[in-house]
PDB file of N, CA and C in Angstrom:
ATOM      1  N   UNK A   1     -16.408   0.258 -38.308  1.00  0.00           N
ATOM      2  CA  UNK A   1     -15.777   1.560 -36.865  1.00  0.00           C
ATOM      3  C   UNK A   1     -14.991   1.880 -37.388  1.00  0.00           C
ATOM      4  N   UNK A   2     -14.556   2.907 -36.861  1.00  0.00           N
ATOM      5  CA  UNK A   2     -12.859   3.718 -36.908  1.00  0.00           C
ATOM      6  C   UNK A   2     -12.331   3.597 -35.322  1.00  0.00           C
ATOM      7  N   UNK A   3     -11.598   3.528 -35.295  1.00  0.00           N
ATOM      8  CA  UNK A   3     -10.636   3.397 -34.009  1.00  0.00           C
ATOM      9  C   UNK A   3     -10.455   5.313 -33.480  1.00  0.00           C
ATOM     10  N   UNK A   4     -10.875   5.268 -32.611  1.00  0.00           N
ATOM     11  CA  UNK A   4     -10.519   6.644 -32.007  1.00  0.00           C
ATOM     12  C   UNK A   4      -9.622   7.148 -31.391  1.00  0.00           C
ATOM     13  N   UNK A   5      -9.362   6.264 -30.028  1.00  0.00           N
ATOM     14  CA  UNK A   5      -8.175   6.482 -29.396  1.00  0.00           C
ATOM     15  C   UNK A   5      -7.719   4.842 -29.438  1.00  0.00           C
ATOM     16  N   UNK A   6      -6.193   4.826 -28.875  1.00  0.00           N
ATOM     17  CA  UNK A   6      -5.619   3.673 -28.750  1.00  0.00           C
ATOM     18  C   UNK A   6      -4.968   3.578 -26.942  1.00  0.00           C
ATOM     19  N   UNK A   7      -4.841   2.411 -26.377  1.00  0.00           N
ATOM     20  CA  UNK A   7      -4.201   2.266 -25.031  1.00  0.00           C
ATOM     21  C   UNK A   7      -2.881   1.715 -25.717  1.00  0.00           C
ATOM     22  N   UNK A   8      -1.817   2.272 -25.155  1.00  0.00           N
ATOM     23  CA  UNK A   8      -0.330   1.568 -25.427  1.00  0.00           C
ATOM     24  C   UNK A   8       0.479   1.914 -24.063  1.00  0.00           C
ATOM     25  N   UNK A   9       0.951   0.499 -24.142  1.00  0.00           N
ATOM     26  CA  UNK A   9       1.695   0.455 -22.806  1.00  0.00           C
ATOM     27  C   UNK A   9       1.335  -0.576 -21.711  1.00  0.00           C
ATOM     28  N   UNK A  10       2.489  -0.155 -20.461  1.00  0.00           N
ATOM     29  CA  UNK A  10       1.865  -0.925 -19.366  1.00  0.00           C
ATOM     30  C   UNK A  10       0.686  -0.976 -18.597  1.00  0.00           C
ATOM     31  N   UNK A  11      -0.182  -1.420 -18.169  1.00  0.00           N
ATOM     32  CA  UNK A  11      -1.640  -1.514 -17.929  1.00  0.00           C
ATOM     33  C   UNK A  11      -0.634  -1.751 -16.635  1.00  0.00           C
ATOM     34  N   UNK A  12       0.360  -2.582 -15.971  1.00  0.00           N
ATOM     35  CA  UNK A  12       0.411  -2.572 -14.632  1.00  0.00           C
ATOM     36  C   UNK A  12       1.168  -1.871 -14.042  1.00  0.00           C
ATOM     37  N   UNK A  13       1.295  -0.518 -14.362  1.00  0.00           N
ATOM     38  CA  UNK A  13       1.687   0.431 -13.369  1.00  0.00           C
ATOM     39  C   UNK A  13       0.272   1.026 -12.842  1.00  0.00           C
ATOM     40  N   UNK A  14      -0.975   0.963 -14.093  1.00  0.00           N
ATOM     41  CA  UNK A  14      -2.189   1.506 -13.435  1.00  0.00           C
ATOM     42  C   UNK A  14      -2.904   0.209 -12.431  1.00  0.00           C
ATOM     43  N   UNK A  15      -2.465  -1.034 -12.290  1.00  0.00           N
ATOM     44  CA  UNK A  15      -2.871  -1.542 -11.251  1.00  0.00           C
ATOM     45  C   UNK A  15      -2.251  -1.597  -9.766  1.00  0.00           C
ATOM     46  N   UNK A  16      -0.837  -1.437 -10.354  1.00  0.00           N
ATOM     47  CA  UNK A  16      -0.512  -0.807  -9.158  1.00  0.00           C
ATOM     48  C   UNK A  16      -0.743   0.384  -8.511  1.00  0.00           C
ATOM     49  N   UNK A  17      -0.903   0.590  -9.195  1.00  0.00           N
ATOM     50  CA  UNK A  17      -1.803   2.138  -8.806  1.00  0.00           C
ATOM     51  C   UNK A  17      -2.610   2.209  -7.818  1.00  0.00           C
ATOM     52  N   UNK A  18      -3.591   1.508  -8.528  1.00  0.00           N
ATOM     53  CA  UNK A  18      -5.294   1.048  -7.884  1.00  0.00           C
ATOM     54  C   UNK A  18      -4.383   0.676  -6.293  1.00  0.00           C
ATOM     55  N   UNK A  19      -3.482  -0.725  -6.660  1.00  0.00           N
ATOM     56  CA  UNK A  19      -3.206  -1.737  -5.596  1.00  0.00           C
ATOM     57  C   UNK A  19      -2.167  -0.563  -4.223  1.00  0.00           C
ATOM     58  N   UNK A  20      -1.789   0.108  -4.402  1.00  0.00           N
ATOM     59  CA  UNK A  20      -1.398   0.693  -3.693  1.00  0.00           C
ATOM     60  C   UNK A  20      -1.646   1.835  -2.384  1.00  0.00           C
ATOM     61  N   UNK A  21      -3.392   2.099  -3.497  1.00  0.00           N
ATOM     62  CA  UNK A  21      -4.711   2.718  -2.437  1.00  0.00           C
ATOM     63  C   UNK A  21      -4.907   1.958  -1.085  1.00  0.00           C
ATOM     64  N   UNK A  22      -4.784   0.906  -1.150  1.00  0.00           N
ATOM     65  CA  UNK A  22      -5.124  -0.198   0.363  1.00  0.00           C
ATOM     66  C   UNK A  22      -3.891  -0.052   1.445  1.00  0.00           C
ATOM     67  N   UNK A  23      -2.114   0.309   1.158  1.00  0.00           N
ATOM     68  CA  UNK A  23      -1.775  -0.238   2.238  1.00  0.00           C
ATOM     69  C   UNK A  23      -1.678   1.242   2.365  1.00  0.00           C
ATOM     70  N   UNK A  24      -1.383   2.175   1.286  1.00  0.00           N
ATOM     71  CA  UNK A  24      -1.596   3.680   2.268  1.00  0.00           C
ATOM     72  C   UNK A  24      -2.145   3.796   2.902  1.00  0.00           C
ATOM     73  N   UNK A  25      -3.815   3.462   3.011  1.00  0.00           N
ATOM     74  CA  UNK A  25      -4.666   3.833   3.701  1.00  0.00           C
ATOM     75  C   UNK A  25      -4.898   3.034   4.541  1.00  0.00           C
ATOM     76  N   UNK A  26      -3.872   1.428   4.788  1.00  0.00           N
ATOM     77  CA  UNK A  26      -3.405   0.627   6.170  1.00  0.00           C
ATOM     78  C   UNK A  26      -3.038   2.061   6.862  1.00  0.00           C
ATOM     79  N   UNK A  27      -1.629   1.713   6.185  1.00  0.00           N
ATOM     80  CA  UNK A  27      -0.611   2.813   7.221  1.00  0.00           C
ATOM     81  C   UNK A  27      -1.209   3.990   7.930  1.00  0.00           C
ATOM     82  N   UNK A  28      -2.168   4.753   7.014  1.00  0.00           N
ATOM     83  CA  UNK A  28      -2.607   5.911   7.751  1.00  0.00           C
ATOM     84  C   UNK A  28      -3.480   5.267   8.902  1.00  0.00           C
ATOM     85  N   UNK A  29      -4.370   4.383   9.232  1.00  0.00           N
ATOM     86  CA  UNK A  29      -4.925   3.916   9.941  1.00  0.00           C
ATOM     87  C   UNK A  29      -3.900   3.463  11.628  1.00  0.00           C
ATOM     88  N   UNK A  30      -2.816   2.543  10.965  1.00  0.00           N
ATOM     89  CA  UNK A  30      -1.936   2.188  11.980  1.00  0.00           C
ATOM     90  C   UNK A  30      -1.572   3.334  12.805  1.00  0.00           C
ATOM     91  N   UNK A  31      -0.794   4.191  12.097  1.00  0.00           N
ATOM     92  CA  UNK A  31      -0.383   5.336  12.968  1.00  0.00           C
ATOM     93  C   UNK A  31      -1.496   6.323  13.877  1.00  0.00           C
ATOM     94  N   UNK A  32      -2.874   6.605  12.740  1.00  0.00           N
ATOM     95  CA  UNK A  32      -3.857   7.090  13.855  1.00  0.00           C
ATOM     96  C   UNK A  32      -3.914   6.706  14.739  1.00  0.00           C
ATOM     97  N   UNK A  33      -4.533   5.164  14.450  1.00  0.00           N
ATOM     98  CA  UNK A  33      -4.648   4.402  15.817  1.00  0.00           C
ATOM     99  C   UNK A  33      -3.365   4.475  17.420  1.00  0.00           C
ATOM    100  N   UNK A  34      -2.304   4.100  16.941  1.00  0.00           N
ATOM    101  CA  UNK A  34      -1.184   5.059  17.839  1.00  0.00           C
ATOM    102  C   UNK A  34      -1.452   6.187  18.865  1.00  0.00           C
ATOM    103  N   UNK A  35      -1.520   7.540  17.655  1.00  0.00           N
ATOM    104  CA  UNK A  35      -1.294   8.589  17.772  1.00  0.00           C
ATOM    105  C   UNK A  35      -2.695   8.485  19.095  1.00  0.00           C
ATOM    106  N   UNK A  36      -4.058   7.994  18.666  1.00  0.00           N
ATOM    107  CA  UNK A  36      -5.063   8.175  19.912  1.00  0.00           C
ATOM    108  C   UNK A  36      -4.529   7.025  20.928  1.00  0.00           C
ATOM    109  N   UNK A  37      -4.329   6.123  21.206  1.00  0.00           N
ATOM    110  CA  UNK A  37      -3.682   5.336  22.246  1.00  0.00           C
ATOM    111  C   UNK A  37      -2.775   6.450  22.705  1.00  0.00           C
ATOM    112  N   UNK A  38      -1.906   6.538  22.552  1.00  0.00           N
ATOM    113  CA  UNK A  38      -0.854   7.559  23.129  1.00  0.00           C
ATOM    114  C   UNK A  38      -1.387   8.706  23.822  1.00  0.00           C
ATOM    115  N   UNK A  39      -2.334   9.660  22.931  1.00  0.00           N
ATOM    116  CA  UNK A  39      -3.063  10.560  23.554  1.00  0.00           C
ATOM    117  C   UNK A  39      -4.187  10.166  24.647  1.00  0.00           C
ATOM    118  N   UNK A  40      -4.262   9.014  24.510  1.00  0.00           N
ATOM    119  CA  UNK A  40      -5.363   8.963  25.837  1.00  0.00           C
ATOM    120  C   UNK A  40      -4.243   8.286  26.859  1.00  0.00           C
ATOM    121  N   UNK A  41      -3.301   7.431  26.800  1.00  0.00           N
ATOM    122  CA  UNK A  41      -2.628   6.930  28.038  1.00  0.00           C
ATOM    123  C   UNK A  41      -1.288   7.228  27.643  1.00  0.00           C
ATOM    124  N   UNK A  42      -0.614   8.207  27.467  1.00  0.00           N
ATOM    125  CA  UNK A  42       0.963   8.382  27.260  1.00  0.00           C
ATOM    126  C   UNK A  42       1.721   7.803  27.996  1.00  0.00           C
ATOM    127  N   UNK A  43       1.461   6.615  28.546  1.00  0.00           N
ATOM    128  CA  UNK A  43       2.329   6.144  30.039  1.00  0.00           C
ATOM    129  C   UNK A  43       2.831   4.879  28.765  1.00  0.00           C
ATOM    130  N   UNK A  44       1.555   4.468  27.849  1.00  0.00           N
ATOM    131  CA  UNK A  44       1.297   2.906  26.655  1.00  0.00           C
ATOM    132  C   UNK A  44       2.386   3.311  25.911  1.00  0.00           C
ATOM    133  N   UNK A  45       3.009   4.684  25.543  1.00  0.00           N
ATOM    134  CA  UNK A  45       3.214   4.649  24.257  1.00  0.00           C
ATOM    135  C   UNK A  45       4.716   3.885  23.946  1.00  0.00           C
ATOM    136  N   UNK A  46       5.083   3.795  25.147  1.00  0.00           N
ATOM    137  CA  UNK A  46       6.778   2.563  24.765  1.00  0.00           C
ATOM    138  C   UNK A  46       6.377   1.055  24.799  1.00  0.00           C
ATOM    139  N   UNK A  47       4.958   0.692  25.323  1.00  0.00           N
ATOM    140  CA  UNK A  47       4.630  -0.652  25.117  1.00  0.00           C
ATOM    141  C   UNK A  47       3.974  -0.748  23.573  1.00  0.00           C
ATOM    142  N   UNK A  48       3.507   0.457  23.222  1.00  0.00           N
ATOM    143  CA  UNK A  48       2.706   0.009  22.210  1.00  0.00           C
ATOM    144  C   UNK A  48       3.497   0.284  20.482  1.00  0.00           C
ATOM    145  N   UNK A  49       4.625   0.852  20.802  1.00  0.00           N
ATOM    146  CA  UNK A  49       5.233   1.486  19.535  1.00  0.00           C
ATOM    147  C   UNK A  49       6.053   0.292  19.016  1.00  0.00           C
ATOM    148  N   UNK A  50       6.442  -1.012  19.353  1.00  0.00           N
ATOM    149  CA  UNK A  50       6.498  -1.817  18.871  1.00  0.00           C
ATOM    150  C   UNK A  50       5.424  -2.597  17.404  1.00  0.00           C
ATOM    151  N   UNK A  51       4.677  -2.171  18.662  1.00  0.00           N
ATOM    152  CA  UNK A  51       3.348  -3.275  17.798  1.00  0.00           C
ATOM    153  C   UNK A  51       3.012  -2.171  16.520  1.00  0.00           C
ATOM    154  N   UNK A  52       3.593  -0.812  16.653  1.00  0.00           N
ATOM    155  CA  UNK A  52       3.660   0.320  15.181  1.00  0.00           C
ATOM    156  C   UNK A  52       3.770  -0.655  14.195  1.00  0.00           C
ATOM    157  N   UNK A  53       5.103  -1.015  14.647  1.00  0.00           N
ATOM    158  CA  UNK A  53       6.516  -0.772  13.463  1.00  0.00           C
ATOM    159  C   UNK A  53       6.060  -2.343  12.851  1.00  0.00           C
ATOM    160  N   UNK A  54       5.542  -3.083  13.720  1.00  0.00           N
ATOM    161  CA  UNK A  54       5.566  -4.477  13.054  1.00  0.00           C
ATOM    162  C   UNK A  54       3.957  -4.323  12.182  1.00  0.00           C
ATOM    163  N   UNK A  55       2.859  -3.606  12.679  1.00  0.00           N
ATOM    164  CA  UNK A  55       2.101  -3.673  11.328  1.00  0.00           C
ATOM    165  C   UNK A  55       2.263  -2.736  10.419  1.00  0.00           C
ATOM    166  N   UNK A  56       3.208  -1.864  10.350  1.00  0.00           N
ATOM    167  CA  UNK A  56       3.693  -0.828   9.172  1.00  0.00           C
ATOM    168  C   UNK A  56       4.522  -1.746   8.453  1.00  0.00           C
ATOM    169  N   UNK A  57       5.408  -2.409   8.925  1.00  0.00           N
ATOM    170  CA  UNK A  57       6.053  -3.855   7.944  1.00  0.00           C
ATOM    171  C   UNK A  57       5.580  -4.939   7.326  1.00  0.00           C
ATOM    172  N   UNK A  58       4.710  -5.482   8.014  1.00  0.00           N
ATOM    173  CA  UNK A  58       3.542  -5.876   7.331  1.00  0.00           C
ATOM    174  C   UNK A  58       2.633  -4.961   6.430  1.00  0.00           C
ATOM    175  N   UNK A  59       2.220  -4.449   6.363  1.00  0.00           N
ATOM    176  CA  UNK A  59       1.269  -3.046   5.147  1.00  0.00           C
ATOM    177  C   UNK A  59       2.296  -3.117   4.288  1.00  0.00           C
ATOM    178  N   UNK A  60       3.378  -2.328   4.584  1.00  0.00           N
ATOM    179  CA  UNK A  60       4.305  -2.095   3.236  1.00  0.00           C
ATOM    180  C   UNK A  60       5.013  -3.396   2.736  1.00  0.00           C
ATOM    181  N   UNK A  61       4.877  -4.544   3.486  1.00  0.00           N
ATOM    182  CA  UNK A  61       5.692  -5.702   2.368  1.00  0.00           C
ATOM    183  C   UNK A  61       4.242  -6.106   1.533  1.00  0.00           C
ATOM    184  N   UNK A  62       2.819  -5.699   2.085  1.00  0.00           N
ATOM    185  CA  UNK A  62       2.120  -6.154   0.809  1.00  0.00           C
ATOM    186  C   UNK A  62       2.130  -4.776  -0.298  1.00  0.00           C
ATOM    187  N   UNK A  63       2.459  -4.254   0.282  1.00  0.00           N
ATOM    188  CA  UNK A  63       2.634  -2.872  -1.172  1.00  0.00           C
ATOM    189  C   UNK A  63       3.798  -3.837  -1.757  1.00  0.00           C
ATOM    190  N   UNK A  64       4.481  -3.983  -1.560  1.00  0.00           N
ATOM    191  CA  UNK A  64       5.950  -4.549  -2.501  1.00  0.00           C
ATOM    192  C   UNK A  64       4.998  -5.616  -2.901  1.00  0.00           C
ATOM    193  N   UNK A  65       4.906  -6.568  -2.640  1.00  0.00           N
ATOM    194  CA  UNK A  65       4.299  -7.867  -3.372  1.00  0.00           C
ATOM    195  C   UNK A  65       3.453  -6.920  -4.407  1.00  0.00           C
ATOM    196  N   UNK A  66       2.451  -6.060  -4.124  1.00  0.00           N
ATOM    197  CA  UNK A  66       1.714  -5.377  -4.990  1.00  0.00           C
ATOM    198  C   UNK A  66       2.467  -5.549  -6.181  1.00  0.00           C
ATOM    199  N   UNK A  67       3.505  -4.739  -6.484  1.00  0.00           N
ATOM    200  CA  UNK A  67       4.674  -4.307  -7.145  1.00  0.00           C
ATOM    201  C   UNK A  67       5.117  -5.094  -8.202  1.00  0.00           C
ATOM    202  N   UNK A  68       5.463  -5.709  -6.914  1.00  0.00           N
ATOM    203  CA  UNK A  68       6.386  -7.076  -7.754  1.00  0.00           C
ATOM    204  C   UNK A  68       5.278  -8.288  -8.816  1.00  0.00           C
ATOM    205  N   UNK A  69       4.048  -8.398  -8.199  1.00  0.00           N
ATOM    206  CA  UNK A  69       3.017  -9.267  -8.985  1.00  0.00           C
ATOM    207  C   UNK A  69       2.657  -8.560 -10.408  1.00  0.00           C
ATOM    208  N   UNK A  70       3.205  -7.297 -10.001  1.00  0.00           N
ATOM    209  CA  UNK A  70       2.277  -6.026 -11.267  1.00  0.00           C
ATOM    210  C   UNK A  70       3.738  -6.614 -12.208  1.00  0.00           C
ATOM    211  N   UNK A  71       4.578  -6.461 -12.109  1.00  0.00           N
ATOM    212  CA  UNK A  71       5.546  -6.464 -13.114  1.00  0.00           C
ATOM    213  C   UNK A  71       5.707  -7.943 -13.458  1.00  0.00           C
ATOM    214  N   UNK A  72       5.738  -9.139 -12.557  1.00  0.00           N
ATOM    215  CA  UNK A  72       5.666 -10.330 -13.080  1.00  0.00           C
ATOM    216  C   UNK A  72       4.622 -11.023 -14.416  1.00  0.00           C
ATOM    217  N   UNK A  73       2.572 -10.108 -13.523  1.00  0.00           N
ATOM    218  CA  UNK A  73       1.600 -10.680 -14.506  1.00  0.00           C
ATOM    219  C   UNK A  73       1.703  -9.583 -15.776  1.00  0.00           C
ATOM    220  N   UNK A  74       2.747  -8.567 -16.070  1.00  0.00           N
ATOM    221  CA  UNK A  74       2.321  -7.649 -17.033  1.00  0.00           C
ATOM    222  C   UNK A  74       2.216  -8.145 -18.716  1.00  0.00           C
ATOM    223  N   UNK A  75       2.340  -9.248 -18.556  1.00  0.00           N
ATOM    224  CA  UNK A  75       2.310 -10.041 -20.156  1.00  0.00           C
ATOM    225  C   UNK A  75       3.183  -9.706 -21.178  1.00  0.00           C
ATOM    226  N   UNK A  76       3.208 -10.054 -22.117  1.00  0.00           N
ATOM    227  CA  UNK A  76       4.204  -9.897 -23.034  1.00  0.00           C
ATOM    228  C   UNK A  76       4.693  -8.416 -23.635  1.00  0.00           C
ATOM    229  N   UNK A  77       5.518  -8.060 -23.476  1.00  0.00           N
ATOM    230  CA  UNK A  77       5.549  -6.023 -23.877  1.00  0.00           C
ATOM    231  C   UNK A  77       6.219  -6.596 -25.626  1.00  0.00           C
ATOM    232  N   UNK A  78       4.862  -5.760 -26.078  1.00  0.00           N
ATOM    233  CA  UNK A  78       5.085  -5.540 -27.402  1.00  0.00           C
ATOM    234  C   UNK A  78       5.190  -3.994 -27.777  1.00  0.00           C
TER     235      UNK A  78
END
């Protein structure tokens, strides 16, 4: 059987690209929920804004963990 194509390079970049989809969707959901709640009750915007930033920070921390683990578990570079 002949080898038609070979994949070379780091598959960690592909893994992180797939892992970044989740935090991207999560950030969109957090901010869309904040915009909807502010549109329904504008006087509560000051009260809910700290929760938006806390949620954003937690989601982005998950994205940073994903890139860190991608580099850690990429295996030996040959």
